[in-house]
Amino acid sequence: MDLSNRTVLIIGGTSGIGRELARRFAAAGSTVAVGGRNPEALSQCAEEGFGTISIDVTDSASVVSARDAALARYPELDTVVTMSGVMLLEDLRDPAHFEAAATTIDTNLLGTIRVIDAFTPHLIRRGSGTLITVTSGIAFLPFPPMPSYAASKAAVHAYSEALRAQLDGTGVDVVELVPPAVATAGQERVNPHALPLDDFATEVMHLLAQDPTPHEVLVKGVLMHRWAERDGTYDDLVAQRSQALAMLPGRQG
């Protein structure tokens, strides 16, 4: 992927990984806009020089409105990154967890599908472009305290694979970004092994610049997750990660 002359929209790019990738694309010479639903965060991004689009991926009308606004402002849009997501703890012994599960699936999976549906016709008409979905190492190696998060990201992985197959021959590429735990949004407090954001973004941009761009962007820190089943480490790692169930209210002691 030529990173120097693209027009990029990063949905969920107002903070964390998305905001850092926006900075990296801009530094490489691309035109970058970010989408999100937090007005204050959007204002901060505008102050950095990014275009901003208001969007709530859980609202179909908002997604369509954002699509229309983005294409009116950036008719040459050729790269859409969809990474809005939530990570919520759930105790599956308590039926009250269902609300968190529904929120997670609606944002992480259905939100991704809404964004893809909105922009795919434009990219197909262009005859070229890239859709970048964002999953997680947790898609391949579940983190038991966050079951619906793991399920939603595994679903986005499967959806990305099917989307790539269906778009074959259209000129539209589908790239799946698979982050490990990255030191942003408080991850560094709960996981001392979280990858520094700067190191993660540098490695991601290097991988995106490869020719051909890999179907899955896998930084070194996520390989143990991605290939755990193949490498025979899956059961032991899930058992280790199950110790984190003590994080759930009512499970301590």
C-alpha atoms as a PDB file:
ATOM      1  CA  MET A   1       0.000   0.000   0.000  1.00  0.00           C
ATOM      2  CA  ASP A   2       1.293   3.431  -0.976  1.00  0.00           C
ATOM      3  CA  LEU A   3       0.827   5.377   2.249  1.00  0.00           C
ATOM      4  CA  SER A   4       1.865   8.738   0.806  1.00  0.00           C
ATOM      5  CA  ASN A   5      -1.032   9.684  -1.426  1.00  0.00           C
ATOM      6  CA  ARG A   6      -4.234   8.254  -0.046  1.00  0.00           C
ATOM      7  CA  THR A   7      -7.465   9.726   1.238  1.00  0.00           C
ATOM      8  CA  VAL A   8      -8.226   7.930   4.490  1.00  0.00           C
ATOM      9  CA  LEU A   9     -11.249   7.915   6.770  1.00  0.00           C
ATOM     10  CA  ILE A  10     -10.732   6.289  10.170  1.00  0.00           C
ATOM     11  CA  ILE A  11     -14.032   5.522  11.883  1.00  0.00           C
ATOM     12  CA  GLY A  12     -13.306   5.344  15.616  1.00  0.00           C
ATOM     13  CA  GLY A  13     -10.144   7.373  15.087  1.00  0.00           C
ATOM     14  CA  THR A  14     -10.624  10.063  17.704  1.00  0.00           C
ATOM     15  CA  SER A  15      -8.454   8.377  20.345  1.00  0.00           C
ATOM     16  CA  GLY A  16      -5.992   5.577  21.028  1.00  0.00           C
ATOM     17  CA  ILE A  17      -4.862   3.389  18.153  1.00  0.00           C
ATOM     18  CA  GLY A  18      -7.075   5.118  15.607  1.00  0.00           C
ATOM     19  CA  ARG A  19      -5.819   8.597  16.396  1.00  0.00           C
ATOM     20  CA  GLU A  20      -2.193   7.473  16.259  1.00  0.00           C
ATOM     21  CA  LEU A  21      -2.749   5.771  12.896  1.00  0.00           C
ATOM     22  CA  ALA A  22      -4.366   8.987  11.654  1.00  0.00           C
ATOM     23  CA  ARG A  23      -1.209  10.841  12.613  1.00  0.00           C
ATOM     24  CA  ARG A  24       0.967   8.259  10.879  1.00  0.00           C
ATOM     25  CA  PHE A  25      -1.044   8.338   7.633  1.00  0.00           C
ATOM     26  CA  ALA A  26      -0.931  12.146   7.661  1.00  0.00           C
ATOM     27  CA  ALA A  27       2.815  12.154   8.325  1.00  0.00           C
ATOM     28  CA  ALA A  28       3.277   9.827   5.346  1.00  0.00           C
ATOM     29  CA  GLY A  29       1.511  12.342   3.092  1.00  0.00           C
ATOM     30  CA  SER A  30      -2.086  11.140   3.029  1.00  0.00           C
ATOM     31  CA  THR A  31      -5.237  13.196   3.517  1.00  0.00           C
ATOM     32  CA  VAL A  32      -6.888  11.971   6.714  1.00  0.00           C
ATOM     33  CA  ALA A  33     -10.308  12.378   8.302  1.00  0.00           C
ATOM     34  CA  VAL A  34     -11.498  10.777  11.508  1.00  0.00           C
ATOM     35  CA  GLY A  35     -14.995   9.793  12.534  1.00  0.00           C
ATOM     36  CA  GLY A  36     -16.436   9.470  16.015  1.00  0.00           C
ATOM     37  CA  ARG A  37     -19.363  10.420  18.230  1.00  0.00           C
ATOM     38  CA  ASN A  38     -17.609  12.433  20.962  1.00  0.00           C
ATOM     39  CA  PRO A  39     -17.821  16.143  20.047  1.00  0.00           C
ATOM     40  CA  GLU A  40     -14.928  17.108  22.325  1.00  0.00           C
ATOM     41  CA  ALA A  41     -12.650  14.442  20.842  1.00  0.00           C
ATOM     42  CA  LEU A  42     -13.641  15.478  17.322  1.00  0.00           C
ATOM     43  CA  SER A  43     -12.816  19.083  18.175  1.00  0.00           C
ATOM     44  CA  GLN A  44      -9.375  18.048  19.411  1.00  0.00           C
ATOM     45  CA  CYS A  45      -8.769  16.124  16.195  1.00  0.00           C
ATOM     46  CA  ALA A  46      -9.800  19.159  14.153  1.00  0.00           C
ATOM     47  CA  GLU A  47      -7.254  21.226  16.069  1.00  0.00           C
ATOM     48  CA  GLU A  48      -4.616  18.716  14.952  1.00  0.00           C
ATOM     49  CA  GLY A  49      -5.608  19.372  11.369  1.00  0.00           C
ATOM     50  CA  PHE A  50      -7.717  16.312  10.645  1.00  0.00           C
ATOM     51  CA  GLY A  51     -11.047  16.423   8.929  1.00  0.00           C
ATOM     52  CA  THR A  52     -13.801  15.269  11.258  1.00  0.00           C
ATOM     53  CA  ILE A  53     -17.034  13.373  10.691  1.00  0.00           C
ATOM     54  CA  SER A  54     -19.690  12.818  13.352  1.00  0.00           C
ATOM     55  CA  ILE A  55     -20.826   9.195  13.350  1.00  0.00           C
ATOM     56  CA  ASP A  56     -22.465   6.684  15.678  1.00  0.00           C
ATOM     57  CA  VAL A  57     -21.893   3.211  14.243  1.00  0.00           C
ATOM     58  CA  THR A  58     -24.819   1.791  16.241  1.00  0.00           C
ATOM     59  CA  ASP A  59     -27.229   4.080  14.345  1.00  0.00           C
ATOM     60  CA  SER A  60     -27.824   3.207  10.681  1.00  0.00           C
ATOM     61  CA  ALA A  61     -29.098   6.701   9.850  1.00  0.00           C
ATOM     62  CA  SER A  62     -25.988   8.261  11.419  1.00  0.00           C
ATOM     63  CA  VAL A  63     -23.726   5.990   9.361  1.00  0.00           C
ATOM     64  CA  VAL A  64     -25.482   6.903   6.113  1.00  0.00           C
ATOM     65  CA  SER A  65     -25.355  10.600   6.980  1.00  0.00           C
ATOM     66  CA  ALA A  66     -21.646  10.319   7.807  1.00  0.00           C
ATOM     67  CA  ARG A  67     -21.012   8.486   4.538  1.00  0.00           C
ATOM     68  CA  ASP A  68     -22.729  11.237   2.555  1.00  0.00           C
ATOM     69  CA  ALA A  69     -20.809  13.963   4.407  1.00  0.00           C
ATOM     70  CA  ALA A  70     -17.487  12.170   3.927  1.00  0.00           C
ATOM     71  CA  LEU A  71     -17.948  11.589   0.209  1.00  0.00           C
ATOM     72  CA  ALA A  72     -19.124  15.166  -0.358  1.00  0.00           C
ATOM     73  CA  ARG A  73     -15.981  16.455   1.325  1.00  0.00           C
ATOM     74  CA  TYR A  74     -13.604  13.726   0.086  1.00  0.00           C
ATOM     75  CA  PRO A  75     -14.822  12.404  -3.285  1.00  0.00           C
ATOM     76  CA  GLU A  76     -11.453  10.694  -3.796  1.00  0.00           C
ATOM     77  CA  LEU A  77     -11.814   8.662  -0.593  1.00  0.00           C
ATOM     78  CA  ASP A  78      -9.985   5.377  -1.188  1.00  0.00           C
ATOM     79  CA  THR A  79      -9.302   3.946   2.290  1.00  0.00           C
ATOM     80  CA  VAL A  80     -11.827   3.306   5.050  1.00  0.00           C
ATOM     81  CA  VAL A  81     -10.698   2.007   8.437  1.00  0.00           C
ATOM     82  CA  THR A  82     -13.540   0.793  10.658  1.00  0.00           C
ATOM     83  CA  MET A  83     -12.424   0.358  14.255  1.00  0.00           C
ATOM     84  CA  SER A  84     -15.150   1.601  16.592  1.00  0.00           C
ATOM     85  CA  GLY A  85     -15.346  -0.805  19.507  1.00  0.00           C
ATOM     86  CA  VAL A  86     -16.142  -1.366  23.150  1.00  0.00           C
ATOM     87  CA  MET A  87     -14.578  -3.780  25.665  1.00  0.00           C
ATOM     88  CA  LEU A  88     -16.900  -4.738  28.498  1.00  0.00           C
ATOM     89  CA  LEU A  89     -16.559  -7.199  31.350  1.00  0.00           C
ATOM     90  CA  GLU A  90     -19.322  -9.815  31.608  1.00  0.00           C
ATOM     91  CA  ASP A  91     -20.113 -12.371  34.281  1.00  0.00           C
ATOM     92  CA  LEU A  92     -21.967 -15.107  32.400  1.00  0.00           C
ATOM     93  CA  ARG A  93     -23.367 -16.469  35.686  1.00  0.00           C
ATOM     94  CA  ASP A  94     -25.469 -13.321  35.924  1.00  0.00           C
ATOM     95  CA  PRO A  95     -28.165 -12.919  33.229  1.00  0.00           C
ATOM     96  CA  ALA A  96     -27.819  -9.155  33.601  1.00  0.00           C
ATOM     97  CA  HIS A  97     -24.689  -9.450  31.433  1.00  0.00           C
ATOM     98  CA  PHE A  98     -26.907  -9.593  28.339  1.00  0.00           C
ATOM     99  CA  GLU A  99     -27.099  -5.815  28.043  1.00  0.00           C
ATOM    100  CA  ALA A 100     -23.301  -5.625  27.824  1.00  0.00           C
ATOM    101  CA  ALA A 101     -23.298  -8.445  25.272  1.00  0.00           C
ATOM    102  CA  ALA A 102     -25.885  -6.681  23.111  1.00  0.00           C
ATOM    103  CA  THR A 103     -23.978  -3.391  23.262  1.00  0.00           C
ATOM    104  CA  THR A 104     -20.725  -5.135  22.350  1.00  0.00           C
ATOM    105  CA  ILE A 105     -22.155  -6.999  19.362  1.00  0.00           C
ATOM    106  CA  ASP A 106     -24.054  -3.947  18.125  1.00  0.00           C
ATOM    107  CA  THR A 107     -20.944  -1.767  18.219  1.00  0.00           C
ATOM    108  CA  ASN A 108     -18.125  -4.129  17.309  1.00  0.00           C
ATOM    109  CA  LEU A 109     -19.783  -6.425  14.771  1.00  0.00           C
ATOM    110  CA  LEU A 110     -22.908  -4.716  13.476  1.00  0.00           C
ATOM    111  CA  GLY A 111     -21.186  -1.335  13.586  1.00  0.00           C
ATOM    112  CA  THR A 112     -18.423  -2.706  11.385  1.00  0.00           C
ATOM    113  CA  ILE A 113     -20.968  -4.142   8.947  1.00  0.00           C
ATOM    114  CA  ARG A 114     -22.905  -0.852   8.803  1.00  0.00           C
ATOM    115  CA  VAL A 115     -19.738   1.070   7.906  1.00  0.00           C
ATOM    116  CA  ILE A 116     -18.665  -1.482   5.304  1.00  0.00           C
ATOM    117  CA  ASP A 117     -22.128  -1.494   3.722  1.00  0.00           C
ATOM    118  CA  ALA A 118     -22.103   2.305   3.548  1.00  0.00           C
ATOM    119  CA  PHE A 119     -18.757   2.683   1.781  1.00  0.00           C
ATOM    120  CA  THR A 120     -18.352  -0.485  -0.306  1.00  0.00           C
ATOM    121  CA  PRO A 121     -20.461   0.747  -3.275  1.00  0.00           C
ATOM    122  CA  HIS A 122     -18.314   3.898  -3.535  1.00  0.00           C
ATOM    123  CA  LEU A 123     -15.078   1.918  -3.511  1.00  0.00           C
ATOM    124  CA  ILE A 124     -16.395  -0.565  -6.080  1.00  0.00           C
ATOM    125  CA  ARG A 125     -17.404   2.333  -8.368  1.00  0.00           C
ATOM    126  CA  ARG A 126     -13.868   3.718  -8.031  1.00  0.00           C
ATOM    127  CA  GLY A 127     -12.487   0.348  -9.073  1.00  0.00           C
ATOM    128  CA  SER A 128      -9.850   0.538  -6.352  1.00  0.00           C
ATOM    129  CA  GLY A 129      -9.503   1.132  -2.646  1.00  0.00           C
ATOM    130  CA  THR A 130      -8.978  -0.528   0.690  1.00  0.00           C
ATOM    131  CA  LEU A 131     -11.262  -1.488   3.554  1.00  0.00           C
ATOM    132  CA  ILE A 132      -9.364  -2.027   6.812  1.00  0.00           C
ATOM    133  CA  THR A 133     -11.228  -3.923   9.520  1.00  0.00           C
ATOM    134  CA  VAL A 134      -9.891  -4.107  13.063  1.00  0.00           C
ATOM    135  CA  THR A 135     -10.114  -7.270  15.131  1.00  0.00           C
ATOM    136  CA  SER A 136      -7.907  -8.301  18.062  1.00  0.00           C
ATOM    137  CA  GLY A 137      -5.616 -11.009  19.310  1.00  0.00           C
ATOM    138  CA  ILE A 138      -8.598 -11.854  21.522  1.00  0.00           C
ATOM    139  CA  ALA A 139     -10.429 -12.978  18.363  1.00  0.00           C
ATOM    140  CA  PHE A 140      -8.047 -15.937  18.221  1.00  0.00           C
ATOM    141  CA  LEU A 141      -7.252 -16.462  21.909  1.00  0.00           C
ATOM    142  CA  PRO A 142     -10.277 -15.559  24.056  1.00  0.00           C
ATOM    143  CA  PHE A 143      -9.995 -13.463  27.200  1.00  0.00           C
ATOM    144  CA  PRO A 144     -12.637 -15.088  29.442  1.00  0.00           C
ATOM    145  CA  PRO A 145     -13.741 -11.954  31.359  1.00  0.00           C
ATOM    146  CA  MET A 146     -14.797 -10.381  28.021  1.00  0.00           C
ATOM    147  CA  PRO A 147     -16.668 -13.158  26.198  1.00  0.00           C
ATOM    148  CA  SER A 148     -18.774 -11.040  23.847  1.00  0.00           C
ATOM    149  CA  TYR A 149     -15.783  -8.890  22.935  1.00  0.00           C
ATOM    150  CA  ALA A 150     -13.926 -12.047  21.903  1.00  0.00           C
ATOM    151  CA  ALA A 151     -16.958 -13.331  20.016  1.00  0.00           C
ATOM    152  CA  SER A 152     -17.491 -10.022  18.211  1.00  0.00           C
ATOM    153  CA  LYS A 153     -13.883  -9.811  17.086  1.00  0.00           C
ATOM    154  CA  ALA A 154     -13.847 -13.449  15.950  1.00  0.00           C
ATOM    155  CA  ALA A 155     -16.960 -12.626  13.946  1.00  0.00           C
ATOM    156  CA  VAL A 156     -15.334  -9.581  12.346  1.00  0.00           C
ATOM    157  CA  HIS A 157     -12.400 -11.816  11.351  1.00  0.00           C
ATOM    158  CA  ALA A 158     -14.754 -14.293   9.660  1.00  0.00           C
ATOM    159  CA  TYR A 159     -16.699 -11.456   8.040  1.00  0.00           C
ATOM    160  CA  SER A 160     -13.482  -9.912   6.725  1.00  0.00           C
ATOM    161  CA  GLU A 161     -12.504 -13.226   5.135  1.00  0.00           C
ATOM    162  CA  ALA A 162     -15.881 -13.523   3.411  1.00  0.00           C
ATOM    163  CA  LEU A 163     -15.829  -9.865   2.334  1.00  0.00           C
ATOM    164  CA  ARG A 164     -12.395 -10.312   0.766  1.00  0.00           C
ATOM    165  CA  ALA A 165     -13.637 -13.292  -1.214  1.00  0.00           C
ATOM    166  CA  GLN A 166     -16.754 -11.470  -2.404  1.00  0.00           C
ATOM    167  CA  LEU A 167     -14.821  -8.342  -3.454  1.00  0.00           C
ATOM    168  CA  ASP A 168     -12.179 -10.304  -5.355  1.00  0.00           C
ATOM    169  CA  GLY A 169     -11.805  -8.800  -8.815  1.00  0.00           C
ATOM    170  CA  THR A 170     -13.357  -5.430  -7.902  1.00  0.00           C
ATOM    171  CA  GLY A 171     -10.050  -3.718  -7.127  1.00  0.00           C
ATOM    172  CA  VAL A 172     -11.101  -3.263  -3.499  1.00  0.00           C
ATOM    173  CA  ASP A 173      -8.724  -4.850  -0.984  1.00  0.00           C
ATOM    174  CA  VAL A 174      -9.743  -6.027   2.473  1.00  0.00           C
ATOM    175  CA  VAL A 175      -7.069  -5.820   5.164  1.00  0.00           C
ATOM    176  CA  GLU A 176      -7.572  -7.029   8.731  1.00  0.00           C
ATOM    177  CA  LEU A 177      -5.581  -5.263  11.449  1.00  0.00           C
ATOM    178  CA  VAL A 178      -5.096  -7.550  14.467  1.00  0.00           C
ATOM    179  CA  PRO A 179      -3.822  -5.592  17.495  1.00  0.00           C
ATOM    180  CA  PRO A 180      -2.539  -7.197  20.679  1.00  0.00           C
ATOM    181  CA  ALA A 181      -2.985  -5.339  23.957  1.00  0.00           C
ATOM    182  CA  VAL A 182      -1.696  -1.835  23.259  1.00  0.00           C
ATOM    183  CA  ALA A 183      -0.809   0.693  25.957  1.00  0.00           C
ATOM    184  CA  THR A 184      -3.739   3.028  25.409  1.00  0.00           C
ATOM    185  CA  ALA A 185      -7.154   3.620  27.006  1.00  0.00           C
ATOM    186  CA  GLY A 186      -5.903   2.292  30.323  1.00  0.00           C
ATOM    187  CA  GLN A 187      -4.612  -1.038  28.977  1.00  0.00           C
ATOM    188  CA  GLU A 188      -1.200  -0.285  30.418  1.00  0.00           C
ATOM    189  CA  ARG A 189      -2.709  -0.247  33.935  1.00  0.00           C
ATOM    190  CA  VAL A 190      -4.243  -3.723  33.706  1.00  0.00           C
ATOM    191  CA  ASN A 191      -1.645  -5.311  31.431  1.00  0.00           C
ATOM    192  CA  PRO A 192       2.018  -4.459  32.049  1.00  0.00           C
ATOM    193  CA  HIS A 193       2.876  -6.349  28.855  1.00  0.00           C
ATOM    194  CA  ALA A 194       0.786  -4.042  26.668  1.00  0.00           C
ATOM    195  CA  LEU A 195       2.725  -2.923  23.601  1.00  0.00           C
ATOM    196  CA  PRO A 196       3.692   0.777  23.589  1.00  0.00           C
ATOM    197  CA  LEU A 197       1.429   2.656  21.176  1.00  0.00           C
ATOM    198  CA  ASP A 198       4.324   4.227  19.300  1.00  0.00           C
ATOM    199  CA  ASP A 199       5.994   0.852  18.698  1.00  0.00           C
ATOM    200  CA  PHE A 200       2.706  -0.691  17.592  1.00  0.00           C
ATOM    201  CA  ALA A 201       1.920   2.086  15.107  1.00  0.00           C
ATOM    202  CA  THR A 202       5.431   2.002  13.634  1.00  0.00           C
ATOM    203  CA  GLU A 203       5.193  -1.741  13.017  1.00  0.00           C
ATOM    204  CA  VAL A 204       1.679  -1.449  11.557  1.00  0.00           C
ATOM    205  CA  MET A 205       2.689   1.210   9.041  1.00  0.00           C
ATOM    206  CA  HIS A 206       5.716  -0.865   8.017  1.00  0.00           C
ATOM    207  CA  LEU A 207       3.472  -3.883   7.392  1.00  0.00           C
ATOM    208  CA  LEU A 208       0.880  -1.835   5.489  1.00  0.00           C
ATOM    209  CA  ALA A 209       3.634  -0.523   3.213  1.00  0.00           C
ATOM    210  CA  GLN A 210       4.667  -4.017   2.139  1.00  0.00           C
ATOM    211  CA  ASP A 211       3.969  -5.132  -1.413  1.00  0.00           C
ATOM    212  CA  PRO A 212       1.639  -6.892  -1.466  1.00  0.00           C
ATOM    213  CA  THR A 213      -0.049  -5.637   1.685  1.00  0.00           C
ATOM    214  CA  PRO A 214      -0.740  -8.669   3.868  1.00  0.00           C
ATOM    215  CA  HIS A 215      -4.355  -9.746   4.304  1.00  0.00           C
ATOM    216  CA  GLU A 216      -3.760  -9.766   8.066  1.00  0.00           C
ATOM    217  CA  VAL A 217      -1.570  -7.123   9.662  1.00  0.00           C
ATOM    218  CA  LEU A 218       0.079  -9.037  12.491  1.00  0.00           C
ATOM    219  CA  VAL A 219       2.632  -7.243  14.639  1.00  0.00           C
ATOM    220  CA  LYS A 220       5.110  -9.510  16.406  1.00  0.00           C
ATOM    221  CA  GLY A 221       3.310  -9.041  19.735  1.00  0.00           C
ATOM    222  CA  VAL A 222       0.116 -10.684  18.464  1.00  0.00           C
ATOM    223  CA  LEU A 223       1.627 -13.771  16.824  1.00  0.00           C
ATOM    224  CA  MET A 224       1.322 -15.873  20.012  1.00  0.00           C
ATOM    225  CA  HIS A 225      -2.435 -15.144  19.979  1.00  0.00           C
ATOM    226  CA  ARG A 226      -3.001 -15.619  16.273  1.00  0.00           C
ATOM    227  CA  TRP A 227      -1.234 -18.973  16.054  1.00  0.00           C
ATOM    228  CA  ALA A 228      -1.883 -20.419  19.534  1.00  0.00           C
ATOM    229  CA  GLU A 229      -4.105 -23.210  18.225  1.00  0.00           C
ATOM    230  CA  ARG A 230      -1.672 -24.136  15.461  1.00  0.00           C
ATOM    231  CA  ASP A 231       1.288 -24.031  17.842  1.00  0.00           C
ATOM    232  CA  GLY A 232      -0.369 -26.211  20.492  1.00  0.00           C
ATOM    233  CA  THR A 233      -0.293 -23.497  23.156  1.00  0.00           C
ATOM    234  CA  TYR A 234      -4.005 -22.624  23.052  1.00  0.00           C
ATOM    235  CA  ASP A 235      -5.302 -24.615  26.042  1.00  0.00           C
ATOM    236  CA  ASP A 236      -2.512 -23.526  28.361  1.00  0.00           C
ATOM    237  CA  LEU A 237      -2.855 -19.883  27.377  1.00  0.00           C
ATOM    238  CA  VAL A 238      -6.641 -19.858  27.816  1.00  0.00           C
ATOM    239  CA  ALA A 239      -6.151 -21.422  31.263  1.00  0.00           C
ATOM    240  CA  GLN A 240      -3.650 -18.699  32.156  1.00  0.00           C
ATOM    241  CA  ARG A 241      -5.990 -15.980  30.902  1.00  0.00           C
ATOM    242  CA  SER A 242      -8.875 -17.492  32.875  1.00  0.00           C
ATOM    243  CA  GLN A 243      -7.132 -16.367  36.058  1.00  0.00           C
ATOM    244  CA  ALA A 244      -8.300 -12.874  35.119  1.00  0.00           C
ATOM    245  CA  LEU A 245     -11.873 -13.925  35.954  1.00  0.00           C
ATOM    246  CA  ALA A 246     -11.011 -12.620  39.422  1.00  0.00           C
ATOM    247  CA  MET A 247     -11.508  -9.162  37.865  1.00  0.00           C
ATOM    248  CA  LEU A 248     -15.271  -9.759  37.819  1.00  0.00           C
ATOM    249  CA  PRO A 249     -17.337  -8.303  40.680  1.00  0.00           C
ATOM    250  CA  GLY A 250     -18.307 -11.053  43.099  1.00  0.00           C
ATOM    251  CA  ARG A 251     -15.482 -13.374  41.997  1.00  0.00           C
ATOM    252  CA  GLN A 252     -12.828 -12.034  44.364  1.00  0.00           C
ATOM    253  CA  GLY A 253     -11.861 -13.896  47.494  1.00  0.00           C
END
